[in-house]
């Protein structure tokens, strides 16, 4: 008989980075300890000076996606420039190395070629990890960042009834400002 897993949500008075370290995340095996996150979480991208993006967690999406406009590849196709927006609707000009190109099928079933970049993501409480993100215009979506299952694998369980379970936006902004005082948010 296969094992049955019992998940109990327990409030722990530790920042997400310390809790993740105590759980020795990521664990490649199914059923291992994970951080519990909600259907949406506040997320920062410090390499671009982007703080407090509302990120939708989507275990049905394979890859993650960041809202980007004015996407321009360099002539050698090794770097990409784009514009994204923080929570306060401030336009942020970004440049990053291209990690790869890939086809992504949207929820409407249409497959498009996208540029992927790799960047560091930070959640409330300081948990940080590298994520592979496609660039797409998400202006019609409620959340400018989609956190897909590849980025969540080994780290998180999603509680679909919860929302911003790791902390409020202001907490992330305080933590971001303390860690990166030279970046205006």
N, C-alpha and C. Protein backbone atom coordinates (compact mmCIF):
# COMPACT_ATOMS: atom_id res chain seq x y z
N UNK A 1 0.85 -1.17 0.00
CA UNK A 1 0.00 0.00 0.00
C UNK A 1 0.90 1.24 0.00
N UNK A 2 0.63 2.23 -0.89
CA UNK A 2 1.46 3.43 -0.93
C UNK A 2 1.26 4.27 0.34
N UNK A 3 2.27 5.06 0.70
CA UNK A 3 2.14 5.88 1.92
C UNK A 3 1.11 6.99 1.73
N UNK A 4 0.50 7.38 2.82
CA UNK A 4 -0.43 8.50 2.85
C UNK A 4 0.25 9.63 3.59
N UNK A 5 0.16 10.83 3.06
CA UNK A 5 0.82 11.98 3.66
C UNK A 5 -0.22 12.86 4.35
N UNK A 6 0.13 13.35 5.51
CA UNK A 6 -0.76 14.20 6.29
C UNK A 6 -0.06 15.54 6.47
N UNK A 7 -0.63 16.58 5.92
CA UNK A 7 -0.04 17.91 6.05
C UNK A 7 -0.86 18.72 7.04
N UNK A 8 -0.18 19.24 8.04
CA UNK A 8 -0.83 20.07 9.04
C UNK A 8 -0.17 21.44 9.00
N UNK A 9 -0.96 22.48 8.78
CA UNK A 9 -0.43 23.83 8.78
C UNK A 9 -0.15 24.24 10.21
N UNK A 10 1.08 24.65 10.45
CA UNK A 10 1.50 25.04 11.79
C UNK A 10 2.22 26.37 11.68
N UNK A 11 1.79 27.34 12.45
CA UNK A 11 2.44 28.64 12.44
C UNK A 11 3.75 28.55 13.22
N UNK A 12 4.84 28.92 12.59
CA UNK A 12 6.16 28.85 13.21
C UNK A 12 6.76 30.25 13.20
N UNK A 13 7.26 30.67 14.35
CA UNK A 13 7.79 32.04 14.50
C UNK A 13 9.22 32.13 14.02
N UNK A 14 9.45 31.80 12.76
CA UNK A 14 10.77 31.92 12.14
C UNK A 14 10.60 32.58 10.78
N UNK A 15 11.57 33.39 10.37
CA UNK A 15 11.53 33.89 8.99
C UNK A 15 11.64 32.72 8.01
N UNK A 16 11.10 32.90 6.82
CA UNK A 16 11.08 31.81 5.84
C UNK A 16 12.48 31.29 5.52
N UNK A 17 13.49 32.16 5.52
CA UNK A 17 14.85 31.70 5.22
C UNK A 17 15.38 30.76 6.30
N UNK A 18 15.12 31.07 7.58
CA UNK A 18 15.58 30.20 8.67
C UNK A 18 14.81 28.89 8.71
N UNK A 19 13.51 28.96 8.48
CA UNK A 19 12.70 27.75 8.45
C UNK A 19 13.15 26.83 7.32
N UNK A 20 13.39 27.40 6.14
CA UNK A 20 13.85 26.59 5.00
C UNK A 20 15.19 25.94 5.31
N UNK A 21 16.09 26.67 5.96
CA UNK A 21 17.39 26.09 6.33
C UNK A 21 17.21 24.95 7.33
N UNK A 22 16.30 25.12 8.28
CA UNK A 22 16.08 24.06 9.28
C UNK A 22 15.46 22.81 8.65
N UNK A 23 14.72 22.99 7.56
CA UNK A 23 14.11 21.85 6.86
C UNK A 23 15.04 21.26 5.81
N UNK A 24 16.20 21.88 5.62
CA UNK A 24 17.19 21.44 4.63
C UNK A 24 16.58 21.38 3.22
N UNK A 25 15.86 22.48 2.85
CA UNK A 25 15.23 22.53 1.53
C UNK A 25 16.27 22.81 0.46
N UNK A 26 16.13 22.35 -0.76
CA UNK A 26 15.05 21.49 -1.22
C UNK A 26 15.32 20.01 -0.96
N UNK A 27 14.28 19.28 -0.82
CA UNK A 27 14.33 17.82 -0.68
C UNK A 27 13.76 17.23 -1.97
N UNK A 28 14.52 16.41 -2.67
CA UNK A 28 14.02 15.89 -3.95
C UNK A 28 12.92 14.84 -3.81
N UNK A 29 12.73 14.27 -2.63
CA UNK A 29 11.75 13.18 -2.52
C UNK A 29 10.34 13.71 -2.26
N UNK A 30 9.33 13.04 -2.79
CA UNK A 30 7.95 13.45 -2.53
C UNK A 30 7.60 13.27 -1.05
N UNK A 31 6.76 14.14 -0.54
CA UNK A 31 6.30 14.01 0.83
C UNK A 31 7.25 14.57 1.87
N UNK A 32 8.35 15.17 1.43
CA UNK A 32 9.30 15.75 2.38
C UNK A 32 8.79 17.06 2.94
N UNK A 33 9.51 17.64 3.89
CA UNK A 33 9.06 18.92 4.46
C UNK A 33 9.10 20.04 3.43
N UNK A 34 8.14 20.94 3.52
CA UNK A 34 8.04 22.06 2.59
C UNK A 34 7.52 23.29 3.34
N UNK A 35 7.77 24.46 2.78
CA UNK A 35 7.15 25.68 3.26
C UNK A 35 5.75 25.74 2.65
N UNK A 36 4.76 26.17 3.40
CA UNK A 36 3.41 26.30 2.89
C UNK A 36 3.22 27.74 2.44
N UNK A 37 2.82 27.89 1.18
CA UNK A 37 2.55 29.21 0.63
C UNK A 37 1.12 29.25 0.13
N UNK A 38 0.62 30.45 -0.08
CA UNK A 38 -0.75 30.62 -0.54
C UNK A 38 -0.86 30.68 -2.05
N UNK A 39 -2.07 30.92 -2.52
CA UNK A 39 -2.30 31.00 -3.97
C UNK A 39 -1.64 32.23 -4.58
N UNK A 40 -1.28 33.20 -3.72
CA UNK A 40 -0.50 34.36 -4.15
C UNK A 40 0.44 34.72 -3.01
N UNK A 41 1.64 35.19 -3.37
CA UNK A 41 2.64 35.62 -2.39
C UNK A 41 3.33 36.86 -2.92
N UNK A 42 3.86 37.67 -2.01
CA UNK A 42 4.66 38.83 -2.39
C UNK A 42 6.09 38.36 -2.66
N UNK A 43 6.67 38.86 -3.74
CA UNK A 43 7.97 38.40 -4.21
C UNK A 43 8.80 39.59 -4.65
N UNK A 44 10.12 39.53 -4.44
CA UNK A 44 11.04 40.58 -4.89
C UNK A 44 12.07 39.97 -5.83
N UNK A 45 12.54 40.78 -6.77
CA UNK A 45 13.59 40.38 -7.71
C UNK A 45 14.74 41.40 -7.55
N UNK A 46 15.64 41.18 -6.59
CA UNK A 46 16.66 42.19 -6.27
C UNK A 46 17.63 42.50 -7.40
N UNK A 47 17.90 41.55 -8.28
CA UNK A 47 18.83 41.80 -9.38
C UNK A 47 18.33 42.88 -10.33
N UNK A 48 17.02 43.12 -10.32
CA UNK A 48 16.42 44.15 -11.17
C UNK A 48 15.91 45.33 -10.35
N UNK A 49 16.09 45.29 -9.04
CA UNK A 49 15.59 46.36 -8.20
C UNK A 49 14.07 46.36 -8.10
N UNK A 50 13.46 45.20 -8.29
CA UNK A 50 12.01 45.07 -8.26
C UNK A 50 11.59 44.50 -6.91
N UNK A 51 10.75 45.26 -6.21
CA UNK A 51 10.25 44.79 -4.92
C UNK A 51 8.73 44.68 -4.97
N UNK A 52 8.21 43.81 -4.19
CA UNK A 52 6.78 43.61 -3.95
C UNK A 52 5.96 43.40 -5.22
N UNK A 53 6.30 42.34 -5.94
CA UNK A 53 5.45 41.88 -7.04
C UNK A 53 4.45 40.89 -6.46
N UNK A 54 3.22 40.97 -6.91
CA UNK A 54 2.23 39.99 -6.51
C UNK A 54 2.41 38.79 -7.41
N UNK A 55 2.79 37.66 -6.82
CA UNK A 55 3.08 36.45 -7.59
C UNK A 55 1.98 35.42 -7.39
N UNK A 56 1.37 34.98 -8.48
CA UNK A 56 0.36 33.93 -8.42
C UNK A 56 1.08 32.59 -8.47
N UNK A 57 0.76 31.70 -7.54
CA UNK A 57 1.34 30.36 -7.57
C UNK A 57 0.43 29.48 -8.43
N UNK A 58 1.02 28.74 -9.34
CA UNK A 58 0.23 27.94 -10.27
C UNK A 58 0.93 26.61 -10.53
N UNK A 59 0.47 25.58 -9.82
CA UNK A 59 1.08 24.26 -9.98
C UNK A 59 0.73 23.63 -11.33
N UNK A 60 -0.24 24.20 -12.03
CA UNK A 60 -0.59 23.71 -13.36
C UNK A 60 0.30 24.27 -14.45
N UNK A 61 1.02 25.35 -14.14
CA UNK A 61 1.94 25.95 -15.11
C UNK A 61 3.32 25.36 -14.91
N UNK A 62 3.94 24.89 -15.95
CA UNK A 62 5.27 24.31 -15.83
C UNK A 62 6.31 25.38 -15.51
N UNK A 63 6.28 26.49 -16.24
CA UNK A 63 7.31 27.52 -16.07
C UNK A 63 6.74 28.77 -15.42
N UNK A 64 7.64 29.60 -14.94
CA UNK A 64 7.28 30.88 -14.33
C UNK A 64 7.34 31.97 -15.39
N UNK A 65 6.65 33.07 -15.12
CA UNK A 65 6.59 34.15 -16.10
C UNK A 65 6.56 35.50 -15.39
N UNK A 66 7.27 36.47 -15.97
CA UNK A 66 7.33 37.83 -15.46
C UNK A 66 6.74 38.77 -16.51
N UNK A 67 5.92 39.73 -16.04
CA UNK A 67 5.39 40.72 -16.97
C UNK A 67 6.54 41.56 -17.52
N UNK A 68 6.62 41.64 -18.84
CA UNK A 68 7.67 42.42 -19.50
C UNK A 68 7.10 43.07 -20.74
N UNK A 69 7.51 44.31 -20.96
CA UNK A 69 7.13 45.06 -22.17
C UNK A 69 8.40 45.50 -22.87
N UNK A 70 8.28 45.90 -24.11
CA UNK A 70 9.42 46.41 -24.89
C UNK A 70 10.61 45.45 -24.83
N UNK A 71 10.36 44.19 -25.08
CA UNK A 71 11.41 43.17 -25.03
C UNK A 71 12.28 43.29 -26.27
N UNK A 72 13.58 43.50 -26.06
CA UNK A 72 14.52 43.67 -27.17
C UNK A 72 15.74 42.78 -26.93
N UNK A 73 16.00 41.88 -27.89
CA UNK A 73 17.19 41.04 -27.83
C UNK A 73 18.39 41.78 -28.39
N UNK A 74 19.56 41.51 -27.83
CA UNK A 74 20.78 42.09 -28.41
C UNK A 74 21.04 41.41 -29.75
N UNK A 75 21.93 41.99 -30.55
CA UNK A 75 22.23 41.44 -31.88
C UNK A 75 22.75 40.01 -31.80
N UNK A 76 23.53 39.70 -30.75
CA UNK A 76 24.07 38.35 -30.63
C UNK A 76 23.12 37.40 -29.88
N UNK A 77 21.94 37.90 -29.47
CA UNK A 77 20.89 37.13 -28.80
C UNK A 77 21.34 36.55 -27.45
N UNK A 78 22.34 37.17 -26.83
CA UNK A 78 22.83 36.69 -25.53
C UNK A 78 22.27 37.49 -24.36
N UNK A 79 21.79 38.69 -24.62
CA UNK A 79 21.17 39.51 -23.56
C UNK A 79 19.83 40.04 -24.06
N UNK A 80 19.00 40.38 -23.09
CA UNK A 80 17.67 40.91 -23.39
C UNK A 80 17.42 42.13 -22.52
N UNK A 81 16.81 43.14 -23.11
CA UNK A 81 16.39 44.33 -22.37
C UNK A 81 14.87 44.36 -22.38
N UNK A 82 14.28 44.80 -21.26
CA UNK A 82 12.83 44.85 -21.17
C UNK A 82 12.44 45.82 -20.07
N UNK A 83 11.16 46.15 -20.04
CA UNK A 83 10.60 47.01 -19.01
C UNK A 83 9.59 46.20 -18.22
N UNK A 84 9.67 46.31 -16.90
CA UNK A 84 8.67 45.70 -16.04
C UNK A 84 8.22 46.76 -15.04
N UNK A 85 7.29 46.41 -14.20
CA UNK A 85 6.72 47.39 -13.27
C UNK A 85 6.67 46.80 -11.87
N UNK A 86 7.02 47.63 -10.86
CA UNK A 86 6.88 47.23 -9.47
C UNK A 86 5.43 47.40 -9.03
N UNK A 87 5.17 47.09 -7.78
CA UNK A 87 3.82 47.17 -7.24
C UNK A 87 3.25 48.59 -7.31
N UNK A 88 4.12 49.58 -7.17
CA UNK A 88 3.67 50.96 -7.18
C UNK A 88 3.62 51.54 -8.59
N UNK A 89 3.58 50.65 -9.60
CA UNK A 89 3.46 51.00 -11.02
C UNK A 89 4.63 51.84 -11.53
N UNK A 90 5.78 51.69 -10.92
CA UNK A 90 6.99 52.37 -11.37
C UNK A 90 7.66 51.52 -12.45
N UNK A 91 7.89 52.13 -13.63
CA UNK A 91 8.55 51.41 -14.73
C UNK A 91 10.01 51.16 -14.36
N UNK A 92 10.47 49.94 -14.59
CA UNK A 92 11.83 49.55 -14.26
C UNK A 92 12.47 48.96 -15.51
N UNK A 93 13.56 49.59 -15.97
CA UNK A 93 14.30 49.11 -17.13
C UNK A 93 15.24 48.01 -16.66
N UNK A 94 15.23 46.87 -17.34
CA UNK A 94 16.02 45.71 -16.93
C UNK A 94 16.84 45.19 -18.10
N UNK A 95 17.95 44.58 -17.77
CA UNK A 95 18.78 43.88 -18.75
C UNK A 95 19.30 42.63 -18.10
N UNK A 96 19.27 41.51 -18.83
CA UNK A 96 19.69 40.23 -18.27
C UNK A 96 20.26 39.33 -19.36
N UNK A 97 21.14 38.41 -18.97
CA UNK A 97 21.59 37.41 -19.93
C UNK A 97 20.43 36.47 -20.28
N UNK A 98 20.38 36.04 -21.51
CA UNK A 98 19.36 35.08 -21.94
C UNK A 98 19.79 33.71 -21.44
N UNK A 99 18.90 33.03 -20.71
CA UNK A 99 19.19 31.68 -20.23
C UNK A 99 18.89 30.66 -21.32
N UNK A 100 17.78 30.88 -22.02
CA UNK A 100 17.39 29.98 -23.12
C UNK A 100 16.18 30.56 -23.83
N UNK A 101 15.81 29.94 -24.92
CA UNK A 101 14.58 30.23 -25.63
C UNK A 101 13.71 28.98 -25.55
N UNK A 102 12.42 29.15 -25.44
CA UNK A 102 11.55 27.99 -25.36
C UNK A 102 10.14 28.33 -25.78
N UNK A 103 9.38 27.28 -26.11
CA UNK A 103 7.97 27.46 -26.47
C UNK A 103 7.14 27.26 -25.21
N UNK A 104 6.21 28.18 -24.99
CA UNK A 104 5.33 28.12 -23.83
C UNK A 104 3.89 28.15 -24.34
N UNK A 105 3.10 27.19 -23.87
CA UNK A 105 1.69 27.14 -24.25
C UNK A 105 0.90 27.85 -23.16
N UNK A 106 0.17 28.87 -23.55
CA UNK A 106 -0.63 29.65 -22.60
C UNK A 106 -1.87 28.86 -22.19
N UNK A 107 -2.59 29.39 -21.21
CA UNK A 107 -3.82 28.73 -20.76
C UNK A 107 -4.88 28.68 -21.86
N UNK A 108 -4.75 29.53 -22.88
CA UNK A 108 -5.68 29.50 -24.01
C UNK A 108 -5.28 28.45 -25.05
N UNK A 109 -4.13 27.81 -24.87
CA UNK A 109 -3.70 26.76 -25.77
C UNK A 109 -2.77 27.22 -26.88
N UNK A 110 -2.44 28.50 -26.93
CA UNK A 110 -1.58 29.03 -27.98
C UNK A 110 -0.12 28.94 -27.53
N UNK A 111 0.72 28.31 -28.36
CA UNK A 111 2.15 28.18 -28.04
C UNK A 111 2.92 29.31 -28.70
N UNK A 112 3.80 29.95 -27.93
CA UNK A 112 4.63 31.04 -28.44
C UNK A 112 6.06 30.84 -27.99
N UNK A 113 6.98 31.32 -28.82
CA UNK A 113 8.39 31.27 -28.44
C UNK A 113 8.66 32.41 -27.47
N UNK A 114 9.34 32.11 -26.35
CA UNK A 114 9.64 33.12 -25.34
C UNK A 114 11.11 33.10 -24.96
N UNK A 115 11.54 34.24 -24.44
CA UNK A 115 12.88 34.39 -23.90
C UNK A 115 12.82 34.03 -22.42
N UNK A 116 13.78 33.24 -21.95
CA UNK A 116 13.87 32.89 -20.53
C UNK A 116 15.13 33.52 -19.95
N UNK A 117 14.99 34.01 -18.72
CA UNK A 117 16.12 34.53 -17.96
C UNK A 117 16.16 33.81 -16.62
N UNK A 118 17.30 33.85 -15.96
CA UNK A 118 17.41 33.29 -14.63
C UNK A 118 17.70 34.43 -13.66
N UNK A 119 16.98 34.46 -12.54
CA UNK A 119 17.16 35.52 -11.57
C UNK A 119 16.90 34.98 -10.17
N UNK A 120 17.26 35.77 -9.17
CA UNK A 120 17.00 35.42 -7.78
C UNK A 120 15.66 35.99 -7.36
N UNK A 121 14.85 35.17 -6.71
CA UNK A 121 13.56 35.61 -6.15
C UNK A 121 13.66 35.54 -4.63
N UNK A 122 13.00 36.50 -3.97
CA UNK A 122 12.98 36.55 -2.50
C UNK A 122 11.53 36.67 -2.05
N UNK A 123 11.18 35.88 -1.03
CA UNK A 123 9.84 35.95 -0.43
C UNK A 123 9.93 36.63 0.93
N UNK A 124 8.78 36.99 1.50
CA UNK A 124 8.75 37.53 2.86
C UNK A 124 9.46 36.56 3.80
N UNK A 125 10.25 37.09 4.68
CA UNK A 125 11.01 36.26 5.61
C UNK A 125 12.40 35.93 5.10
N UNK A 126 12.71 36.35 3.87
CA UNK A 126 14.07 36.22 3.36
C UNK A 126 14.39 34.96 2.58
N UNK A 127 13.42 34.05 2.36
CA UNK A 127 13.73 32.86 1.57
C UNK A 127 14.06 33.29 0.15
N UNK A 128 15.23 32.83 -0.34
CA UNK A 128 15.67 33.20 -1.69
C UNK A 128 16.10 31.96 -2.44
N UNK A 129 15.86 31.99 -3.74
CA UNK A 129 16.27 30.90 -4.61
C UNK A 129 16.28 31.39 -6.05
N UNK A 130 16.98 30.64 -6.90
CA UNK A 130 17.07 30.98 -8.32
C UNK A 130 15.85 30.44 -9.06
N UNK A 131 15.29 31.27 -9.94
CA UNK A 131 14.15 30.86 -10.74
C UNK A 131 14.43 31.14 -12.21
N UNK A 132 13.93 30.25 -13.05
CA UNK A 132 13.98 30.44 -14.50
C UNK A 132 12.64 31.02 -14.90
N UNK A 133 12.66 32.17 -15.57
CA UNK A 133 11.44 32.94 -15.83
C UNK A 133 11.35 33.31 -17.30
N UNK A 134 10.17 33.10 -17.88
CA UNK A 134 9.95 33.58 -19.25
C UNK A 134 9.43 35.01 -19.17
N UNK A 135 9.70 35.78 -20.21
CA UNK A 135 9.24 37.15 -20.30
C UNK A 135 8.01 37.19 -21.20
N UNK A 136 6.93 37.79 -20.68
CA UNK A 136 5.68 37.85 -21.46
C UNK A 136 4.88 39.06 -21.00
N UNK A 137 4.04 39.54 -21.89
CA UNK A 137 3.15 40.64 -21.51
C UNK A 137 1.99 40.05 -20.72
N UNK A 138 1.98 40.35 -19.41
CA UNK A 138 0.93 39.87 -18.52
C UNK A 138 0.02 41.02 -18.07
N UNK A 139 -0.07 42.07 -18.88
CA UNK A 139 -0.85 43.25 -18.48
C UNK A 139 -2.33 42.94 -18.30
N UNK A 140 -2.84 41.89 -18.93
CA UNK A 140 -4.24 41.52 -18.76
C UNK A 140 -4.46 40.63 -17.54
N UNK A 141 -3.39 40.25 -16.87
CA UNK A 141 -3.47 39.36 -15.72
C UNK A 141 -3.48 40.16 -14.42
N UNK A 142 -4.04 39.59 -13.37
CA UNK A 142 -4.09 40.26 -12.07
C UNK A 142 -2.71 40.31 -11.41
N UNK A 143 -1.89 39.29 -11.64
CA UNK A 143 -0.57 39.22 -11.01
C UNK A 143 0.51 39.33 -12.08
N UNK A 144 1.49 40.23 -11.88
CA UNK A 144 2.54 40.39 -12.88
C UNK A 144 3.57 39.26 -12.89
N UNK A 145 3.51 38.38 -11.90
CA UNK A 145 4.46 37.26 -11.83
C UNK A 145 3.67 35.98 -11.63
N UNK A 146 4.02 34.95 -12.41
CA UNK A 146 3.42 33.63 -12.27
C UNK A 146 4.52 32.69 -11.80
N UNK A 147 4.32 32.08 -10.66
CA UNK A 147 5.29 31.14 -10.10
C UNK A 147 4.84 29.73 -10.45
N UNK A 148 5.53 29.10 -11.40
CA UNK A 148 5.16 27.78 -11.90
C UNK A 148 5.76 26.65 -11.08
N UNK A 149 5.36 25.42 -11.43
CA UNK A 149 5.73 24.27 -10.61
C UNK A 149 7.22 23.96 -10.61
N UNK A 150 7.93 24.26 -11.70
CA UNK A 150 9.38 24.01 -11.69
C UNK A 150 10.09 24.88 -10.66
N UNK A 151 9.64 26.11 -10.49
CA UNK A 151 10.25 27.00 -9.50
C UNK A 151 9.84 26.62 -8.08
N UNK A 152 8.69 26.01 -7.92
CA UNK A 152 8.21 25.65 -6.58
C UNK A 152 8.67 24.26 -6.14
N UNK A 153 9.05 23.40 -7.08
CA UNK A 153 9.36 22.01 -6.78
C UNK A 153 10.49 21.90 -5.75
N UNK A 154 10.24 21.12 -4.72
CA UNK A 154 11.23 20.87 -3.68
C UNK A 154 11.22 21.89 -2.57
N UNK A 155 10.46 22.98 -2.73
CA UNK A 155 10.45 24.04 -1.74
C UNK A 155 9.09 24.24 -1.07
N UNK A 156 8.00 24.15 -1.83
CA UNK A 156 6.71 24.64 -1.35
C UNK A 156 5.57 23.64 -1.53
N UNK A 157 4.59 23.78 -0.65
CA UNK A 157 3.25 23.22 -0.83
C UNK A 157 2.32 24.42 -0.94
N UNK A 158 1.36 24.36 -1.84
CA UNK A 158 0.45 25.48 -2.04
C UNK A 158 -0.87 25.20 -1.34
N UNK A 159 -1.28 26.13 -0.47
CA UNK A 159 -2.59 26.07 0.17
C UNK A 159 -3.50 26.99 -0.65
N UNK A 160 -4.40 26.44 -1.46
CA UNK A 160 -5.18 27.28 -2.37
C UNK A 160 -6.17 28.21 -1.67
N UNK A 161 -6.44 28.00 -0.39
CA UNK A 161 -7.34 28.91 0.31
C UNK A 161 -6.58 30.08 0.92
N UNK A 162 -5.26 29.94 1.07
CA UNK A 162 -4.44 30.99 1.67
C UNK A 162 -4.01 32.03 0.66
N UNK A 163 -3.66 33.19 1.17
CA UNK A 163 -3.22 34.29 0.32
C UNK A 163 -2.16 35.07 1.08
N UNK A 164 -0.98 35.25 0.50
CA UNK A 164 0.12 35.98 1.13
C UNK A 164 0.40 35.44 2.54
N UNK A 165 0.55 34.14 2.63
CA UNK A 165 0.73 33.46 3.92
C UNK A 165 2.08 33.73 4.57
N UNK A 166 3.10 34.08 3.79
CA UNK A 166 4.43 34.32 4.36
C UNK A 166 4.57 35.73 4.93
N UNK A 167 3.65 36.60 4.60
CA UNK A 167 3.69 37.94 5.17
C UNK A 167 3.12 38.98 4.23
N UNK A 168 2.83 40.17 4.78
CA UNK A 168 2.25 41.24 3.97
C UNK A 168 3.31 41.95 3.12
N UNK A 169 2.83 42.70 2.14
CA UNK A 169 3.71 43.44 1.22
C UNK A 169 4.66 44.36 1.98
N UNK A 170 4.16 45.07 2.97
CA UNK A 170 5.00 46.02 3.71
C UNK A 170 6.17 45.32 4.40
N UNK A 171 5.95 44.10 4.87
CA UNK A 171 7.05 43.34 5.49
C UNK A 171 8.14 43.07 4.47
N UNK A 172 7.76 42.63 3.27
CA UNK A 172 8.75 42.38 2.22
C UNK A 172 9.48 43.66 1.86
N UNK A 173 8.75 44.76 1.77
CA UNK A 173 9.40 46.04 1.43
C UNK A 173 10.39 46.46 2.51
N UNK A 174 10.06 46.26 3.79
CA UNK A 174 11.00 46.58 4.88
C UNK A 174 12.24 45.71 4.78
N UNK A 175 12.04 44.42 4.56
CA UNK A 175 13.17 43.49 4.46
C UNK A 175 14.03 43.82 3.24
N UNK A 176 13.39 44.16 2.14
CA UNK A 176 14.10 44.51 0.91
C UNK A 176 14.94 45.76 1.14
N UNK A 177 14.33 46.77 1.74
CA UNK A 177 15.05 48.03 1.99
C UNK A 177 16.23 47.82 2.95
N UNK A 178 16.06 46.96 3.95
CA UNK A 178 17.15 46.68 4.90
C UNK A 178 18.31 45.95 4.21
N UNK A 179 17.98 45.03 3.30
CA UNK A 179 19.02 44.26 2.61
C UNK A 179 19.65 45.03 1.45
N UNK A 180 18.87 45.92 0.81
CA UNK A 180 19.32 46.67 -0.36
C UNK A 180 19.01 48.14 -0.18
N UNK A 181 19.70 48.84 0.73
CA UNK A 181 19.35 50.24 1.01
C UNK A 181 19.59 51.19 -0.14
N UNK A 182 20.42 50.81 -1.11
CA UNK A 182 20.72 51.69 -2.24
C UNK A 182 19.66 51.64 -3.34
N UNK A 183 18.73 50.68 -3.25
CA UNK A 183 17.70 50.54 -4.28
C UNK A 183 16.42 51.21 -3.78
N UNK A 184 15.97 52.22 -4.50
CA UNK A 184 14.72 52.90 -4.14
C UNK A 184 13.54 52.06 -4.58
N UNK A 185 12.55 51.94 -3.70
CA UNK A 185 11.35 51.16 -4.06
C UNK A 185 10.13 52.05 -4.11
